[in-house]
Amino acid sequence: MSIETIKIIAAIFGIVGSGILAYRVTGILSALSLVAGCHEVNIQQLMPNHQGDIHNLDNSTAHVEKSEKKGLLITGFIFFILSGVLQLIALLMANA
């Protein structure tokens, strides 16, 4: 395999890894934002000056549990690691 091919594969792995991680982190942050918002609303409704109906926003932890899946995070980091290893191999081959 040529050095240029290895560099291209390393770049592709880096792009795929960053895309996977960006997608996964966005999902985690949206789940945490939802839970924080629900928590804030529940606290405000328990304040003594609250007027109106009280809405129970339960099951918000289900969104956090759903976002705890680690498969895509691990896959993204593996692509990043492979990208770094391939870049190192290409560098070593160029200097040999």
Protein backbone atom coordinates (compact mmCIF):
# COMPACT_ATOMS: atom_id res chain seq x y z
CA MET A 1 0.00 0.00 0.00
CA SER A 2 1.36 3.42 -0.90
CA ILE A 3 1.86 6.29 1.52
CA GLU A 4 -0.76 8.37 -0.27
CA THR A 5 -3.34 5.59 0.07
CA ILE A 6 -2.63 5.28 3.78
CA LYS A 7 -2.97 9.06 4.22
CA ILE A 8 -6.30 9.05 2.37
CA ILE A 9 -7.64 6.18 4.48
CA ALA A 10 -6.45 7.96 7.65
CA ALA A 11 -8.27 11.13 6.58
CA ILE A 12 -11.44 9.18 5.84
CA PHE A 13 -11.28 7.48 9.25
CA GLY A 14 -10.80 10.87 10.90
CA ILE A 15 -13.83 12.32 9.10
CA VAL A 16 -16.02 9.30 9.90
CA GLY A 17 -14.89 9.29 13.53
CA SER A 18 -15.58 12.99 14.03
CA GLY A 19 -19.00 12.67 12.38
CA ILE A 20 -19.99 9.75 14.60
CA LEU A 21 -18.78 11.51 17.75
CA ALA A 22 -20.53 14.76 16.82
CA TYR A 23 -23.80 12.90 16.23
CA ARG A 24 -23.51 10.99 19.50
CA VAL A 25 -22.50 13.97 21.64
CA THR A 26 -25.39 16.01 20.20
CA GLY A 27 -27.81 13.27 21.28
CA ILE A 28 -26.34 13.15 24.77
CA LEU A 29 -26.51 16.93 25.16
CA SER A 30 -30.11 17.11 23.98
CA ALA A 31 -31.13 14.40 26.46
CA LEU A 32 -29.38 16.22 29.29
CA SER A 33 -30.97 19.54 28.28
CA LEU A 34 -34.41 17.94 28.29
CA VAL A 35 -33.87 16.45 31.74
CA ALA A 36 -32.51 19.72 33.13
CA GLY A 37 -35.50 21.60 31.72
CA CYS A 38 -37.95 19.11 33.22
CA HIS A 39 -36.19 19.36 36.56
CA GLU A 40 -36.35 23.14 36.48
CA VAL A 41 -40.08 23.13 35.67
CA ASN A 42 -40.78 20.67 38.49
CA ILE A 43 -38.86 22.85 40.96
CA GLN A 44 -40.69 26.00 39.86
CA GLN A 45 -44.04 24.29 40.31
CA LEU A 46 -43.15 23.37 43.88
CA MET A 47 -42.40 26.99 44.84
CA PRO A 48 -44.92 28.55 47.21
CA ASN A 49 -45.80 31.39 44.80
CA HIS A 50 -46.70 29.04 41.91
CA GLN A 51 -50.24 29.49 40.60
CA GLY A 52 -52.02 27.19 38.19
CA ASP A 53 -51.86 23.53 37.38
CA ILE A 54 -48.96 21.30 38.39
CA HIS A 55 -47.70 19.03 35.64
CA ASN A 56 -45.76 15.92 36.55
CA LEU A 57 -42.84 15.57 34.15
CA ASP A 58 -41.77 12.05 35.01
CA ASN A 59 -39.74 9.55 32.99
CA SER A 60 -37.16 12.19 32.11
CA THR A 61 -34.45 9.79 33.27
CA ALA A 62 -35.49 7.44 30.47
CA HIS A 63 -34.00 9.94 28.01
CA VAL A 64 -30.70 9.94 29.90
CA GLU A 65 -30.65 6.13 30.04
CA LYS A 66 -31.33 6.04 26.29
CA SER A 67 -28.39 8.38 25.69
CA GLU A 68 -26.02 6.23 27.77
CA LYS A 69 -25.51 3.72 24.96
CA LYS A 70 -21.79 3.64 24.32
CA GLY A 71 -21.59 1.85 20.98
CA LEU A 72 -21.36 4.92 18.77
CA LEU A 73 -18.95 6.68 21.13
CA ILE A 74 -16.60 3.68 21.10
CA THR A 75 -16.91 3.38 17.31
CA GLY A 76 -16.07 7.06 16.85
CA PHE A 77 -13.03 6.83 19.10
CA ILE A 78 -11.86 3.66 17.31
CA PHE A 79 -12.00 5.51 13.98
CA PHE A 80 -9.99 8.38 15.48
CA ILE A 81 -7.39 5.99 16.90
CA LEU A 82 -7.11 4.15 13.57
CA SER A 83 -6.69 7.49 11.82
CA GLY A 84 -3.80 8.40 14.13
CA VAL A 85 -2.16 4.98 13.73
CA LEU A 86 -2.41 5.19 9.94
CA GLN A 87 -0.95 8.70 9.94
CA LEU A 88 1.96 7.44 12.08
CA ILE A 89 2.52 4.51 9.71
CA ALA A 90 2.51 6.87 6.71
CA LEU A 91 5.01 9.14 8.46
CA LEU A 92 7.29 6.21 9.30
CA MET A 93 7.07 4.89 5.75
CA ALA A 94 7.95 8.33 4.34
CA ASN A 95 11.01 8.60 6.57
CA ALA A 96 12.23 5.04 5.88
